[in-house]
Structures are given as structure tokens and as C-alpha cells.
Amino acid sequence: MATGRAADVLTTVTSVSLLEGLRDPTHRAVWTDFVGRYRPLIIRFGMRAGLSGADAEDAAQSTLTVFATAYADGKYDRQKGRLRHWLFGIAAKHINRARSNPRRREVQVCGQPGETDFFAGLPDQDKLEGLWNKEWQEAVYRQCLAEVRTTFDERTVAAFKLLTSGDRSAHNVAERLGMTDNAVYLAKHKILKRIREILPTVEEIW
């Protein structure tokens, strides 16, 4: 894990700390934190894999329920693999199950006129893992932004987000936020630098 200033000021709770807290079945706050962190990620993963929002939510619920049971039974060993890989295995199983549901196939085919082989277009395991890794990386980036908000003022963060999303120019962002063009560029530079500093640590502890 990274050390020094980048690690010292992070507010992110480590996955290890969450897992340790889950050993106490009465520690509801920890379970709430765990679900709040990983449930949205699993839902987005399911939707990337082709599930409807409702099916993705069901798959996420099943994934976390199975995880909780297996973890309580002592089946998770961090020495044999990181949490992200174990969660992927469980989530992929439940997403594949949802995708192969006959009722779901009927709905999908009917909803796509001319589709003759819906299941042939579904991601294979390697593609699923690629989708999962992409979703995980985006979740880590969102956490980096959350960390950035604790050290930069709201307008600086807003300038960074506006400039790095979409096709807005620095001048357009500056006019919108009442800043100079140079201040907008400086906001982007400072926040990118900070994200680069904390990214290795967030990746490790998230």
C-alpha cells in the first residue's frame, strides 16, 4: 500500500477493514457501508452485460446474499485472491443465470425485431471479466473524485468535472463558473495531479 501524504489523508475505508467488521453479525453499519460500496458496482456491471435494471438489481442482491453467507462460513481467504476477483466470480454466475432465464430471452427477442440469435451476442466469460474490470476502474475513479472533494473547494472540483466531461472549452467553463480561463486550466492540473497521487492507494484499499 502506498504511504506518505497521499495515503495519510484518504477517507476511504479499506476493503480489509470492511471485511473485518463483517465478522460481527451485529455490526449493521459495516454491512450497510459494504453494500453501499459494491451493490451499485454490481448493478452497473449487470446492465453492461445486457440485463435490465430490475434484473441487474436482482443479480446484485443475490450476489451480496451469497457473499454474506460464504463469508460467514469462512470461505473467503484473502491470501488466495482479492475481493474484487471473488465478487466477480459470484456476480458473473448470477448474471449468467439471469441472462439464460427463458422468460427473459422471450422478452429480449420480442423487443429486438429481426434478432435471430440473441444469445450468440452475449459476452463470454473473458468479455464479462473485461466489463467487470472496466466497471471497477470507474468505481475507483469515482472514489478518487470523492477524496478530491475533501481537499479542494467546490468550484475547483466543478471546473475539473465540466472540463473533463463532454466537449466544453475552458472558456465556456470559466464563463459558467465565473472564473478565468487560466483558473480553469489550473483547477484541472491540480486535481489531475492529486488523482495521480492517490490512485495507487485507492486501487489498493478499495
Protein backbone atom coordinates (compact mmCIF):
# COMPACT_ATOMS: atom_id res chain seq x y z
CA MET A 1 0.00 0.00 0.00
CA ALA A 2 1.17 3.47 -0.78
CA THR A 3 2.44 5.55 2.10
CA GLY A 4 3.02 9.21 2.83
CA ARG A 5 0.78 12.19 2.26
CA ALA A 6 -1.34 10.52 -0.42
CA ALA A 7 -2.33 7.71 1.94
CA ASP A 8 -2.49 9.66 5.20
CA VAL A 9 -5.36 11.96 4.23
CA LEU A 10 -7.62 9.45 2.49
CA THR A 11 -11.08 8.94 3.95
CA THR A 12 -11.69 5.68 2.08
CA VAL A 13 -12.27 2.69 4.35
CA THR A 14 -10.14 -0.26 3.29
CA SER A 15 -11.82 -3.40 1.99
CA VAL A 16 -9.90 -5.29 4.68
CA SER A 17 -11.45 -3.11 7.39
CA LEU A 18 -14.91 -3.70 5.96
CA LEU A 19 -14.34 -7.44 5.85
CA GLU A 20 -13.07 -7.47 9.41
CA GLY A 21 -16.17 -5.57 10.51
CA LEU A 22 -18.44 -8.06 8.75
CA ARG A 23 -17.19 -10.79 11.08
CA ASP A 24 -19.52 -9.28 13.66
CA PRO A 25 -23.09 -10.14 12.51
CA THR A 26 -24.50 -7.38 14.72
CA HIS A 27 -22.38 -4.67 13.08
CA ARG A 28 -25.11 -3.39 10.75
CA ALA A 29 -23.31 -0.14 9.93
CA VAL A 30 -20.41 -2.02 8.38
CA TRP A 31 -22.72 -4.17 6.28
CA THR A 32 -24.52 -1.00 5.15
CA ASP A 33 -21.17 0.51 4.11
CA PHE A 34 -20.21 -2.68 2.28
CA VAL A 35 -23.49 -2.85 0.36
CA GLY A 36 -23.33 0.87 -0.40
CA ARG A 37 -19.90 0.46 -1.93
CA TYR A 38 -20.34 -2.70 -4.01
CA ARG A 39 -24.05 -3.01 -4.84
CA PRO A 40 -24.09 -0.09 -7.33
CA LEU A 41 -20.96 -1.50 -8.99
CA ILE A 42 -22.57 -4.93 -9.43
CA ILE A 43 -25.78 -3.38 -10.78
CA ARG A 44 -23.85 -1.36 -13.37
CA PHE A 45 -21.87 -4.47 -14.28
CA GLY A 46 -25.08 -6.43 -14.82
CA MET A 47 -26.52 -3.73 -17.03
CA ARG A 48 -23.29 -3.56 -19.06
CA ALA A 49 -23.67 -7.31 -19.55
CA GLY A 50 -27.12 -6.84 -21.03
CA LEU A 51 -29.50 -7.14 -18.09
CA SER A 52 -32.41 -4.80 -17.48
CA GLY A 53 -32.16 -2.54 -14.46
CA ALA A 54 -34.52 -4.77 -12.48
CA ASP A 55 -32.65 -7.97 -13.41
CA ALA A 56 -29.31 -6.32 -12.56
CA GLU A 57 -30.65 -5.29 -9.14
CA ASP A 58 -31.83 -8.86 -8.51
CA ALA A 59 -28.42 -10.22 -9.55
CA ALA A 60 -26.68 -7.75 -7.24
CA GLN A 61 -28.91 -8.75 -4.33
CA SER A 62 -28.25 -12.45 -4.98
CA THR A 63 -24.51 -11.81 -5.28
CA LEU A 64 -24.30 -9.99 -1.95
CA THR A 65 -26.51 -12.55 -0.20
CA VAL A 66 -24.31 -15.42 -1.39
CA PHE A 67 -21.21 -13.43 -0.47
CA ALA A 68 -22.51 -12.79 3.06
CA THR A 69 -23.30 -16.47 3.60
CA ALA A 70 -19.99 -17.68 2.20
CA TYR A 71 -18.05 -15.09 4.17
CA ALA A 72 -19.83 -16.02 7.40
CA ASP A 73 -18.89 -19.65 6.69
CA GLY A 74 -15.23 -18.67 6.38
CA LYS A 75 -14.96 -19.46 2.66
CA TYR A 76 -13.23 -16.24 1.68
CA ASP A 77 -9.45 -16.30 2.00
CA ARG A 78 -7.76 -13.01 1.05
CA GLN A 79 -4.46 -14.84 0.67
CA LYS A 80 -5.93 -16.79 -2.27
CA GLY A 81 -7.31 -13.81 -4.14
CA ARG A 82 -8.50 -10.26 -3.81
CA LEU A 83 -12.06 -9.30 -3.01
CA ARG A 84 -12.70 -7.94 -6.50
CA HIS A 85 -11.98 -11.36 -8.04
CA TRP A 86 -14.16 -13.25 -5.58
CA LEU A 87 -17.05 -10.83 -6.07
CA PHE A 88 -16.64 -11.13 -9.84
CA GLY A 89 -16.97 -14.90 -9.70
CA ILE A 90 -20.18 -14.72 -7.70
CA ALA A 91 -21.65 -11.83 -9.72
CA ALA A 92 -20.84 -13.43 -13.09
CA LYS A 93 -22.60 -16.63 -12.02
CA HIS A 94 -25.80 -14.80 -11.08
CA ILE A 95 -25.70 -12.55 -14.14
CA ASN A 96 -25.28 -15.56 -16.43
CA ARG A 97 -28.19 -17.22 -14.68
CA ALA A 98 -30.37 -14.15 -15.24
CA ARG A 99 -29.33 -13.90 -18.88
CA SER A 100 -30.25 -17.53 -19.55
CA ASN A 101 -33.71 -17.26 -17.99
CA PRO A 102 -36.20 -18.46 -20.70
CA ARG A 103 -38.72 -15.75 -19.84
CA ARG A 104 -36.03 -13.10 -20.19
CA ARG A 105 -34.98 -14.50 -23.58
CA GLU A 106 -38.54 -14.21 -24.87
CA VAL A 107 -38.80 -10.60 -23.78
CA GLN A 108 -35.41 -9.65 -25.25
CA VAL A 109 -36.05 -11.31 -28.61
CA CYS A 110 -39.50 -9.77 -28.92
CA GLY A 111 -38.06 -6.40 -28.00
CA GLN A 112 -35.49 -6.56 -30.81
CA PRO A 113 -37.20 -7.22 -34.17
CA GLY A 114 -35.02 -9.13 -36.56
CA GLU A 115 -32.77 -10.55 -33.82
CA THR A 116 -32.32 -14.23 -34.70
CA ASP A 117 -29.69 -15.30 -32.23
CA PHE A 118 -29.83 -13.10 -29.16
CA PHE A 119 -27.66 -15.34 -27.01
CA ALA A 120 -24.89 -15.50 -29.61
CA GLY A 121 -24.32 -11.82 -28.97
CA LEU A 122 -23.96 -12.10 -25.22
CA PRO A 123 -20.49 -11.59 -23.70
CA ASP A 124 -18.38 -14.69 -23.00
CA GLN A 125 -16.53 -15.09 -19.69
CA ASP A 126 -13.47 -13.17 -20.88
CA LYS A 127 -15.62 -10.29 -22.09
CA LEU A 128 -17.56 -10.35 -18.82
CA GLU A 129 -14.32 -10.05 -16.90
CA GLY A 130 -13.32 -7.14 -19.11
CA LEU A 131 -16.63 -5.42 -18.36
CA TRP A 132 -16.13 -6.05 -14.65
CA ASN A 133 -12.61 -4.60 -14.68
CA LYS A 134 -13.82 -1.52 -16.54
CA GLU A 135 -16.63 -1.00 -14.05
CA TRP A 136 -14.23 -1.48 -11.13
CA GLN A 137 -11.78 1.05 -12.56
CA GLU A 138 -14.58 3.58 -12.98
CA ALA A 139 -15.68 2.96 -9.39
CA VAL A 140 -12.13 3.60 -8.20
CA TYR A 141 -12.03 6.82 -10.22
CA ARG A 142 -15.30 7.95 -8.66
CA GLN A 143 -13.80 7.28 -5.24
CA CYS A 144 -10.77 9.37 -6.18
CA LEU A 145 -13.12 12.21 -7.05
CA ALA A 146 -14.86 11.79 -3.70
CA GLU A 147 -11.47 12.06 -1.99
CA VAL A 148 -10.61 15.15 -4.05
CA ARG A 149 -13.75 16.88 -2.81
CA THR A 150 -12.36 16.74 0.74
CA THR A 151 -9.29 18.80 -0.19
CA PHE A 152 -10.47 21.18 -2.93
CA ASP A 153 -13.21 23.80 -2.92
CA GLU A 154 -16.47 23.09 -4.71
CA ARG A 155 -15.86 25.46 -7.63
CA THR A 156 -12.44 23.97 -8.39
CA VAL A 157 -13.94 20.47 -8.48
CA ALA A 158 -16.82 21.68 -10.63
CA ALA A 159 -14.37 23.24 -13.10
CA PHE A 160 -12.44 20.00 -13.35
CA LYS A 161 -15.55 17.89 -13.91
CA LEU A 162 -17.00 20.24 -16.52
CA LEU A 163 -13.72 20.49 -18.42
CA THR A 164 -13.03 16.75 -18.44
CA SER A 165 -16.53 15.60 -19.37
CA GLY A 166 -18.15 16.45 -22.68
CA ASP A 167 -16.83 18.92 -25.22
CA ARG A 168 -16.81 22.10 -23.14
CA SER A 169 -13.94 24.53 -23.67
CA ALA A 170 -12.04 26.11 -20.80
CA HIS A 171 -13.55 29.47 -21.77
CA ASN A 172 -17.08 28.04 -21.66
CA VAL A 173 -16.43 26.53 -18.22
CA ALA A 174 -14.88 29.75 -16.98
CA GLU A 175 -17.90 31.81 -18.05
CA ARG A 176 -20.28 29.33 -16.46
CA LEU A 177 -18.46 29.32 -13.10
CA GLY A 178 -17.30 32.94 -13.00
CA MET A 179 -13.62 32.04 -13.28
CA THR A 180 -10.78 32.99 -15.59
CA ASP A 181 -9.65 30.59 -18.31
CA ASN A 182 -6.32 30.21 -16.54
CA ALA A 183 -8.04 29.33 -13.25
CA VAL A 184 -9.97 26.57 -15.01
CA TYR A 185 -6.79 25.09 -16.50
CA LEU A 186 -5.10 25.34 -13.10
CA ALA A 187 -8.04 23.54 -11.45
CA LYS A 188 -7.70 20.70 -13.94
CA HIS A 189 -3.95 20.49 -13.42
CA LYS A 190 -4.15 20.45 -9.61
CA ILE A 191 -6.90 17.85 -9.43
CA LEU A 192 -5.31 15.56 -12.02
CA LYS A 193 -2.09 15.73 -10.05
CA ARG A 194 -3.92 14.83 -6.85
CA ILE A 195 -5.74 11.94 -8.50
CA ARG A 196 -2.44 10.56 -9.79
CA GLU A 197 -1.05 10.78 -6.25
CA ILE A 198 -3.88 8.88 -4.58
CA LEU A 199 -4.90 6.48 -7.36
CA PRO A 200 -2.46 3.66 -6.42
CA THR A 201 -3.60 3.83 -2.80
CA VAL A 202 -7.32 3.89 -3.64
CA GLU A 203 -6.84 0.95 -6.02
CA GLU A 204 -5.15 -0.97 -3.22
CA ILE A 205 -7.64 -0.28 -0.45
CA TRP A 206 -10.87 -0.22 -2.48
